[in-house]
Amino acid sequence: MTKLPAKLGGPGVDLHMCYEVGPRGYGIQRPVATAGHSCVVVAPSLIPSRPRGRIKTDRQDAVKLARPHRGGELTSVWILDSAPEAMRDLIRARLAAVRSLRHARQQLSAYI
């Protein structure tokens, strides 16, 4: 992820980027921030929007993020360090395993 910022901004150029939180988490923000650029991570629910048509394209999504980012209207989310993020992932995995175990026990007791 460091190739794009290096390609867009040369020496002395400060890039300001933003993206919606998704399944990749903060994997994009960390390398961009260590490269010295500004990267804001935004929750989709915090993006100001107005009613539009139902057509959704990447270009419209980019404009929907770029305009409020330029105006300073976006609220960023708290970016976890690696250790708390790993702990959160571990807790979520444990909860999923407990749910799966409970579901399997209920299925087994239904057969008996």
N, C-alpha and C. Protein backbone atom coordinates (compact mmCIF):
# COMPACT_ATOMS: atom_id res chain seq x y z
N MET A 1 0.81 -1.19 0.00
CA MET A 1 0.00 0.00 0.00
C MET A 1 0.86 1.25 0.00
N THR A 2 2.14 1.13 0.02
CA THR A 2 2.99 2.33 0.02
C THR A 2 3.33 2.79 -1.39
N LYS A 3 3.01 2.00 -2.40
CA LYS A 3 3.34 2.40 -3.77
C LYS A 3 2.48 3.57 -4.26
N LEU A 4 1.19 3.54 -3.94
CA LEU A 4 0.29 4.59 -4.41
C LEU A 4 0.64 5.96 -3.82
N PRO A 5 0.83 6.08 -2.49
CA PRO A 5 1.22 7.39 -1.97
C PRO A 5 2.56 7.87 -2.53
N ALA A 6 3.49 6.96 -2.75
CA ALA A 6 4.78 7.35 -3.33
C ALA A 6 4.61 7.83 -4.77
N LYS A 7 3.67 7.23 -5.47
CA LYS A 7 3.42 7.61 -6.86
C LYS A 7 2.70 8.96 -6.95
N LEU A 8 1.74 9.18 -6.05
CA LEU A 8 0.95 10.42 -6.09
C LEU A 8 1.70 11.62 -5.51
N GLY A 9 2.42 11.41 -4.44
CA GLY A 9 3.08 12.53 -3.79
C GLY A 9 4.59 12.35 -3.77
N GLY A 10 5.28 13.31 -4.25
CA GLY A 10 6.73 13.27 -4.23
C GLY A 10 7.25 13.92 -2.96
N PRO A 11 8.52 14.30 -2.97
CA PRO A 11 9.09 14.95 -1.80
C PRO A 11 8.42 16.31 -1.55
N GLY A 12 8.06 16.55 -0.30
CA GLY A 12 7.44 17.82 0.06
C GLY A 12 5.95 17.89 -0.19
N VAL A 13 5.35 16.82 -0.70
CA VAL A 13 3.91 16.80 -0.97
C VAL A 13 3.23 16.02 0.16
N ASP A 14 2.29 16.66 0.82
CA ASP A 14 1.55 16.03 1.90
C ASP A 14 0.20 15.57 1.39
N LEU A 15 -0.05 14.28 1.41
CA LEU A 15 -1.32 13.73 0.92
C LEU A 15 -2.29 13.59 2.08
N HIS A 16 -3.55 13.86 1.82
CA HIS A 16 -4.62 13.67 2.80
C HIS A 16 -5.58 12.65 2.21
N MET A 17 -5.70 11.50 2.87
CA MET A 17 -6.54 10.42 2.35
C MET A 17 -7.59 10.05 3.39
N CYS A 18 -8.64 9.40 2.91
CA CYS A 18 -9.65 8.87 3.82
C CYS A 18 -10.29 7.65 3.16
N TYR A 19 -10.80 6.76 4.00
CA TYR A 19 -11.54 5.61 3.49
C TYR A 19 -12.50 5.12 4.57
N GLU A 20 -13.50 4.36 4.12
CA GLU A 20 -14.48 3.78 5.03
C GLU A 20 -13.90 2.54 5.69
N VAL A 21 -14.25 2.35 6.95
CA VAL A 21 -13.85 1.13 7.64
C VAL A 21 -14.57 -0.03 6.96
N GLY A 22 -13.84 -1.09 6.76
CA GLY A 22 -14.42 -2.27 6.14
C GLY A 22 -13.80 -3.52 6.72
N PRO A 23 -13.91 -4.62 6.02
CA PRO A 23 -13.36 -5.86 6.55
C PRO A 23 -11.83 -5.85 6.66
N ARG A 24 -11.17 -4.98 5.92
CA ARG A 24 -9.72 -4.91 6.01
C ARG A 24 -9.24 -4.17 7.26
N GLY A 25 -10.16 -3.52 7.95
CA GLY A 25 -9.80 -2.85 9.18
C GLY A 25 -8.86 -1.69 8.94
N TYR A 26 -7.76 -1.67 9.67
CA TYR A 26 -6.83 -0.55 9.61
C TYR A 26 -5.57 -0.91 8.82
N GLY A 27 -5.63 -1.94 8.01
CA GLY A 27 -4.48 -2.40 7.24
C GLY A 27 -4.00 -1.40 6.21
N ILE A 28 -4.84 -0.48 5.80
CA ILE A 28 -4.44 0.54 4.83
C ILE A 28 -3.89 1.75 5.56
N GLN A 29 -4.49 2.10 6.69
CA GLN A 29 -4.11 3.32 7.40
C GLN A 29 -2.70 3.26 7.96
N ARG A 30 -2.32 2.14 8.53
CA ARG A 30 -1.01 2.05 9.20
C ARG A 30 0.16 2.30 8.26
N PRO A 31 0.25 1.64 7.10
CA PRO A 31 1.40 1.93 6.22
C PRO A 31 1.39 3.34 5.65
N VAL A 32 0.19 3.88 5.39
CA VAL A 32 0.11 5.25 4.86
C VAL A 32 0.57 6.25 5.91
N ALA A 33 0.18 6.02 7.17
CA ALA A 33 0.58 6.92 8.25
C ALA A 33 2.08 6.83 8.52
N THR A 34 2.64 5.63 8.44
CA THR A 34 4.08 5.50 8.66
C THR A 34 4.87 6.12 7.51
N ALA A 35 4.24 6.24 6.33
CA ALA A 35 4.91 6.91 5.21
C ALA A 35 4.88 8.43 5.37
N GLY A 36 4.15 8.92 6.40
CA GLY A 36 4.13 10.34 6.68
C GLY A 36 2.96 11.11 6.09
N HIS A 37 1.95 10.40 5.64
CA HIS A 37 0.78 11.05 5.06
C HIS A 37 -0.39 10.99 6.04
N SER A 38 -1.36 11.85 5.83
CA SER A 38 -2.55 11.88 6.67
C SER A 38 -3.58 10.92 6.10
N CYS A 39 -4.08 10.02 6.95
CA CYS A 39 -5.08 9.05 6.52
C CYS A 39 -6.16 8.97 7.59
N VAL A 40 -7.40 9.30 7.21
CA VAL A 40 -8.53 9.29 8.12
C VAL A 40 -9.38 8.07 7.81
N VAL A 41 -9.75 7.35 8.87
CA VAL A 41 -10.63 6.19 8.73
C VAL A 41 -12.00 6.60 9.28
N VAL A 42 -13.04 6.41 8.46
CA VAL A 42 -14.37 6.89 8.79
C VAL A 42 -15.35 5.74 8.82
N ALA A 43 -16.22 5.75 9.82
CA ALA A 43 -17.31 4.77 9.87
C ALA A 43 -18.37 5.16 8.85
N PRO A 44 -18.95 4.21 8.13
CA PRO A 44 -19.96 4.55 7.13
C PRO A 44 -21.15 5.30 7.71
N SER A 45 -21.48 5.05 8.97
CA SER A 45 -22.62 5.74 9.58
C SER A 45 -22.32 7.20 9.89
N LEU A 46 -21.04 7.59 9.91
CA LEU A 46 -20.66 8.96 10.23
C LEU A 46 -20.45 9.83 9.00
N ILE A 47 -20.68 9.29 7.82
CA ILE A 47 -20.50 10.04 6.59
C ILE A 47 -21.79 10.81 6.28
N PRO A 48 -21.71 12.15 6.20
CA PRO A 48 -22.93 12.89 5.88
C PRO A 48 -23.40 12.56 4.47
N SER A 49 -24.69 12.36 4.34
CA SER A 49 -25.21 12.01 3.01
C SER A 49 -26.55 12.70 2.81
N ARG A 50 -26.92 12.81 1.57
CA ARG A 50 -28.22 13.36 1.22
C ARG A 50 -28.93 12.32 0.36
N PRO A 51 -30.23 12.36 0.32
CA PRO A 51 -30.96 11.37 -0.46
C PRO A 51 -30.62 11.47 -1.95
N ARG A 52 -30.32 10.36 -2.53
CA ARG A 52 -30.01 10.29 -3.97
C ARG A 52 -30.66 9.06 -4.55
N GLY A 53 -30.33 8.82 -5.79
CA GLY A 53 -30.80 7.61 -6.45
C GLY A 53 -30.14 6.39 -5.84
N ARG A 54 -30.63 5.25 -6.16
CA ARG A 54 -30.13 4.01 -5.59
C ARG A 54 -28.92 3.45 -6.33
N ILE A 55 -28.47 4.12 -7.37
CA ILE A 55 -27.31 3.65 -8.13
C ILE A 55 -26.06 3.95 -7.31
N LYS A 56 -25.25 2.92 -7.09
CA LYS A 56 -24.05 3.07 -6.27
C LYS A 56 -22.84 2.67 -7.11
N THR A 57 -21.93 3.60 -7.29
CA THR A 57 -20.71 3.33 -8.04
C THR A 57 -19.51 3.73 -7.21
N ASP A 58 -18.34 3.25 -7.58
CA ASP A 58 -17.11 3.60 -6.87
C ASP A 58 -16.82 5.09 -7.00
N ARG A 59 -17.12 5.64 -8.16
CA ARG A 59 -16.87 7.07 -8.37
C ARG A 59 -17.74 7.92 -7.43
N GLN A 60 -19.02 7.57 -7.31
CA GLN A 60 -19.91 8.30 -6.41
C GLN A 60 -19.47 8.14 -4.96
N ASP A 61 -19.02 6.94 -4.59
CA ASP A 61 -18.52 6.73 -3.23
C ASP A 61 -17.30 7.57 -2.95
N ALA A 62 -16.41 7.68 -3.92
CA ALA A 62 -15.19 8.48 -3.75
C ALA A 62 -15.53 9.96 -3.57
N VAL A 63 -16.47 10.46 -4.37
CA VAL A 63 -16.88 11.85 -4.25
C VAL A 63 -17.59 12.08 -2.92
N LYS A 64 -18.39 11.09 -2.51
CA LYS A 64 -19.12 11.18 -1.25
C LYS A 64 -18.17 11.27 -0.06
N LEU A 65 -16.98 10.70 -0.19
CA LEU A 65 -15.96 10.80 0.86
C LEU A 65 -15.06 12.02 0.69
N ALA A 66 -14.70 12.35 -0.54
CA ALA A 66 -13.71 13.40 -0.79
C ALA A 66 -14.23 14.80 -0.42
N ARG A 67 -15.47 15.09 -0.77
CA ARG A 67 -15.99 16.44 -0.50
C ARG A 67 -16.07 16.75 1.00
N PRO A 68 -16.67 15.89 1.81
CA PRO A 68 -16.69 16.20 3.25
C PRO A 68 -15.29 16.16 3.88
N HIS A 69 -14.41 15.31 3.34
CA HIS A 69 -13.04 15.25 3.87
C HIS A 69 -12.31 16.58 3.61
N ARG A 70 -12.49 17.12 2.43
CA ARG A 70 -11.87 18.40 2.09
C ARG A 70 -12.42 19.52 2.96
N GLY A 71 -13.72 19.45 3.29
CA GLY A 71 -14.34 20.47 4.11
C GLY A 71 -14.16 20.25 5.61
N GLY A 72 -13.54 19.16 5.99
CA GLY A 72 -13.32 18.87 7.40
C GLY A 72 -14.57 18.42 8.14
N GLU A 73 -15.52 17.85 7.41
CA GLU A 73 -16.79 17.44 8.00
C GLU A 73 -16.83 15.98 8.43
N LEU A 74 -15.77 15.22 8.15
CA LEU A 74 -15.76 13.81 8.50
C LEU A 74 -15.27 13.61 9.93
N THR A 75 -15.89 12.68 10.62
CA THR A 75 -15.47 12.31 11.96
C THR A 75 -14.74 10.98 11.86
N SER A 76 -13.51 10.95 12.31
CA SER A 76 -12.73 9.72 12.21
C SER A 76 -13.02 8.81 13.38
N VAL A 77 -12.77 7.54 13.19
CA VAL A 77 -12.93 6.56 14.26
C VAL A 77 -11.59 6.40 14.98
N TRP A 78 -11.64 5.85 16.17
CA TRP A 78 -10.43 5.60 16.94
C TRP A 78 -9.70 4.43 16.31
N ILE A 79 -8.44 4.61 16.02
CA ILE A 79 -7.65 3.59 15.36
C ILE A 79 -6.92 2.78 16.42
N LEU A 80 -7.21 1.50 16.46
CA LEU A 80 -6.60 0.61 17.45
C LEU A 80 -5.14 0.35 17.12
N ASP A 81 -4.35 0.16 18.16
CA ASP A 81 -2.99 -0.33 17.97
C ASP A 81 -3.07 -1.81 17.63
N SER A 82 -1.94 -2.42 17.32
CA SER A 82 -1.94 -3.83 16.93
C SER A 82 -2.38 -4.74 18.08
N ALA A 83 -1.91 -4.46 19.31
CA ALA A 83 -2.23 -5.33 20.44
C ALA A 83 -3.73 -5.31 20.78
N PRO A 84 -4.38 -4.15 20.94
CA PRO A 84 -5.83 -4.18 21.21
C PRO A 84 -6.63 -4.77 20.05
N GLU A 85 -6.16 -4.55 18.82
CA GLU A 85 -6.88 -5.11 17.67
C GLU A 85 -6.78 -6.64 17.69
N ALA A 86 -5.61 -7.16 18.03
CA ALA A 86 -5.44 -8.62 18.12
C ALA A 86 -6.31 -9.19 19.24
N MET A 87 -6.40 -8.47 20.37
CA MET A 87 -7.24 -8.93 21.48
C MET A 87 -8.71 -8.91 21.07
N ARG A 88 -9.13 -7.87 20.35
CA ARG A 88 -10.51 -7.79 19.88
C ARG A 88 -10.81 -8.96 18.94
N ASP A 89 -9.88 -9.26 18.03
CA ASP A 89 -10.09 -10.37 17.10
C ASP A 89 -10.16 -11.70 17.85
N LEU A 90 -9.33 -11.85 18.88
CA LEU A 90 -9.35 -13.08 19.68
C LEU A 90 -10.67 -13.23 20.41
N ILE A 91 -11.18 -12.16 20.99
CA ILE A 91 -12.46 -12.20 21.69
C ILE A 91 -13.59 -12.54 20.73
N ARG A 92 -13.56 -11.93 19.55
CA ARG A 92 -14.61 -12.23 18.55
C ARG A 92 -14.54 -13.68 18.09
N ALA A 93 -13.33 -14.20 17.91
CA ALA A 93 -13.18 -15.60 17.50
C ALA A 93 -13.68 -16.54 18.59
N ARG A 94 -13.39 -16.21 19.86
CA ARG A 94 -13.86 -17.04 20.97
C ARG A 94 -15.38 -17.03 21.03
N LEU A 95 -16.00 -15.85 20.89
CA LEU A 95 -17.46 -15.78 20.92
C LEU A 95 -18.08 -16.58 19.77
N ALA A 96 -17.45 -16.53 18.61
CA ALA A 96 -17.96 -17.31 17.47
C ALA A 96 -17.84 -18.81 17.76
N ALA A 97 -16.74 -19.23 18.39
CA ALA A 97 -16.57 -20.64 18.72
C ALA A 97 -17.59 -21.08 19.77
N VAL A 98 -17.88 -20.24 20.77
CA VAL A 98 -18.87 -20.57 21.79
C VAL A 98 -20.25 -20.69 21.14
N ARG A 99 -20.59 -19.78 20.24
CA ARG A 99 -21.89 -19.87 19.55
C ARG A 99 -21.98 -21.14 18.71
N SER A 100 -20.90 -21.47 18.04
CA SER A 100 -20.88 -22.67 17.21
C SER A 100 -21.03 -23.92 18.08
N LEU A 101 -20.35 -23.95 19.21
CA LEU A 101 -20.46 -25.09 20.12
C LEU A 101 -21.89 -25.22 20.65
N ARG A 102 -22.51 -24.12 21.05
CA ARG A 102 -23.88 -24.15 21.55
C ARG A 102 -24.83 -24.65 20.47
N HIS A 103 -24.64 -24.17 19.24
CA HIS A 103 -25.48 -24.60 18.12
C HIS A 103 -25.32 -26.10 17.88
N ALA A 104 -24.09 -26.59 17.92
CA ALA A 104 -23.85 -28.02 17.70
C ALA A 104 -24.48 -28.86 18.81
N ARG A 105 -24.41 -28.38 20.07
CA ARG A 105 -25.04 -29.11 21.19
C ARG A 105 -26.55 -29.15 21.02
N GLN A 106 -27.15 -28.05 20.59
CA GLN A 106 -28.60 -28.02 20.40
C GLN A 106 -29.01 -28.96 19.28
N GLN A 107 -28.22 -29.02 18.22
CA GLN A 107 -28.54 -29.95 17.13
C GLN A 107 -28.41 -31.39 17.60
N LEU A 108 -27.37 -31.67 18.39
CA LEU A 108 -27.16 -33.03 18.88
C LEU A 108 -28.28 -33.45 19.83
N SER A 109 -28.69 -32.53 20.71
CA SER A 109 -29.78 -32.88 21.63
C SER A 109 -31.11 -33.03 20.89
N ALA A 110 -31.28 -32.43 19.76
CA ALA A 110 -32.50 -32.58 18.97
C ALA A 110 -32.58 -33.97 18.36
N TYR A 111 -31.44 -34.60 18.07
CA TYR A 111 -31.42 -35.92 17.47
C TYR A 111 -31.67 -37.02 18.50
N ILE A 112 -31.40 -36.72 19.75
CA ILE A 112 -31.52 -37.76 20.81
C ILE A 112 -32.94 -37.92 21.27
